[in-house]
Amino acid sequence: MDIQLNEHYDFELDDRNDMPLVRGRAAFEQLLSNWTTKYYIEIVGRTNRDNVLSLMELYANRIVDEIDDVGRVSQVAVAFSDEEPNTLEVTTIYLNSAQSSFEISE
C-alpha cells in the first residue's frame, strides 16, 4: 500500500479531500515507475547511451525480483518509443498476458 502519485510524481487529493492509496498491482506499478525513473535520472542520464536499454531492463527486472509478492510478472521490457523522441517505454507483462506501460523521457 502506498499513497497515489500523479504523472508528475505529486500528491493529489481525491474527491473527499483525502490522499488516495494504491494497493496490489497498482502499488507495484507505481513503485516500478518511481524507482526506474529515479535510476534513469541519477545513473543512466541519457537515451543516446549504447547500453541504455539493457541497463534499464536489468534494473527493472531487479525490482521485480526484490518484491516478494509480485510472482505474477512474466517480464519487464524496455524499448525506445516509436512516437516520442528521446523516450523509453517500459512495459510490464504479467503471466495472465495483461500489460502495463509507462514512459521515461529526457
Protein backbone atom coordinates (compact mmCIF):
# COMPACT_ATOMS: atom_id res chain seq x y z
CA MET A 1 0.00 0.00 0.00
CA ASP A 2 1.26 3.46 -0.88
CA ILE A 3 0.00 7.00 -1.42
CA GLN A 4 -1.10 7.51 -5.01
CA LEU A 5 1.00 9.90 -7.09
CA ASN A 6 0.06 11.58 -10.35
CA GLU A 7 2.08 11.51 -13.58
CA HIS A 8 4.29 14.33 -12.24
CA TYR A 9 5.04 12.37 -9.05
CA ASP A 10 3.00 14.82 -6.97
CA PHE A 11 0.32 14.17 -4.37
CA GLU A 12 -3.27 15.00 -5.25
CA LEU A 13 -6.36 14.95 -3.13
CA ASP A 14 -9.30 12.81 -4.15
CA ASP A 15 -12.97 13.85 -4.24
CA ARG A 16 -13.14 13.50 -0.43
CA ASN A 17 -10.12 15.82 0.07
CA ASP A 18 -8.11 12.83 1.19
CA MET A 19 -4.91 11.29 -0.13
CA PRO A 20 -5.84 8.24 -2.21
CA LEU A 21 -3.98 4.98 -1.68
CA VAL A 22 -2.84 2.38 -4.17
CA ARG A 23 -2.66 -1.33 -3.39
CA GLY A 24 -1.66 -4.55 -5.09
CA ARG A 25 -0.79 -4.34 -8.75
CA ALA A 26 -1.30 -0.56 -8.91
CA ALA A 27 1.10 -0.08 -5.99
CA PHE A 28 3.67 -2.31 -7.70
CA GLU A 29 3.36 -0.41 -10.99
CA GLN A 30 3.73 2.93 -9.21
CA LEU A 31 6.81 1.67 -7.35
CA LEU A 32 8.35 0.32 -10.57
CA SER A 33 7.73 3.64 -12.32
CA ASN A 34 9.18 5.67 -9.43
CA TRP A 35 12.30 3.55 -8.95
CA THR A 36 13.16 3.11 -12.64
CA THR A 37 12.63 6.82 -13.35
CA LYS A 38 14.88 7.71 -10.41
CA TYR A 39 17.52 5.24 -11.64
CA TYR A 40 17.34 6.73 -15.13
CA ILE A 41 17.75 10.30 -13.86
CA GLU A 42 20.53 9.57 -11.36
CA ILE A 43 22.53 6.82 -13.11
CA VAL A 44 21.75 6.46 -16.81
CA GLY A 45 21.03 10.08 -17.71
CA ARG A 46 20.53 9.99 -21.48
CA THR A 47 18.80 7.82 -24.06
CA ASN A 48 21.72 8.02 -26.50
CA ARG A 49 23.93 5.64 -24.48
CA ASP A 50 24.69 2.38 -26.28
CA ASN A 51 23.58 0.27 -23.33
CA VAL A 52 20.57 2.29 -22.13
CA LEU A 53 18.01 -0.43 -22.93
CA SER A 54 19.96 -3.21 -21.24
CA LEU A 55 20.71 -1.06 -18.16
CA MET A 56 17.08 -0.09 -17.70
CA GLU A 57 15.76 -3.60 -18.35
CA LEU A 58 18.24 -5.12 -15.91
CA TYR A 59 17.30 -2.62 -13.20
CA ALA A 60 13.55 -3.03 -13.75
CA ASN A 61 13.84 -6.82 -13.53
CA ARG A 62 15.87 -6.50 -10.32
CA ILE A 63 12.98 -4.55 -8.81
CA VAL A 64 10.59 -7.34 -9.80
CA ASP A 65 12.92 -9.94 -8.25
CA GLU A 66 13.19 -7.98 -4.97
CA ILE A 67 9.46 -7.66 -4.42
CA ASP A 68 8.26 -10.95 -2.93
CA ASP A 69 4.53 -10.55 -3.62
CA VAL A 70 4.91 -9.97 -7.36
CA GLY A 71 5.14 -13.56 -8.54
CA ARG A 72 2.70 -12.75 -11.31
CA VAL A 73 5.13 -10.77 -13.56
CA SER A 74 6.39 -12.59 -16.64
CA GLN A 75 8.86 -9.95 -17.78
CA VAL A 76 9.66 -6.25 -17.98
CA ALA A 77 10.67 -4.97 -21.41
CA VAL A 78 12.27 -1.62 -22.23
CA ALA A 79 12.24 -0.15 -25.75
CA PHE A 80 12.57 3.19 -27.48
CA SER A 81 9.23 4.90 -28.07
CA ASP A 82 8.03 4.87 -31.68
CA GLU A 83 6.13 8.12 -31.13
CA GLU A 84 8.30 10.30 -28.88
CA PRO A 85 11.99 11.13 -29.40
CA ASN A 86 14.43 10.53 -26.52
CA THR A 87 11.81 8.47 -24.71
CA LEU A 88 11.89 4.96 -23.29
CA GLU A 89 8.79 2.82 -22.92
CA VAL A 90 8.81 0.39 -20.00
CA THR A 91 6.26 -2.42 -20.34
CA THR A 92 5.38 -4.91 -17.62
CA ILE A 93 3.98 -8.17 -18.97
CA TYR A 94 2.04 -10.31 -16.50
CA LEU A 95 1.57 -14.08 -16.52
CA ASN A 96 -2.09 -13.62 -17.50
CA SER A 97 -0.91 -11.64 -20.59
CA ALA A 98 -2.06 -8.28 -19.21
CA GLN A 99 0.33 -5.40 -19.83
CA SER A 100 1.09 -2.06 -18.24
CA SER A 101 3.37 0.61 -19.69
CA PHE A 102 4.87 3.96 -18.74
CA GLU A 103 7.36 6.28 -20.39
CA ILE A 104 10.60 7.87 -19.24
CA SER A 105 11.83 10.94 -21.15
CA GLU A 106 14.91 13.10 -21.07
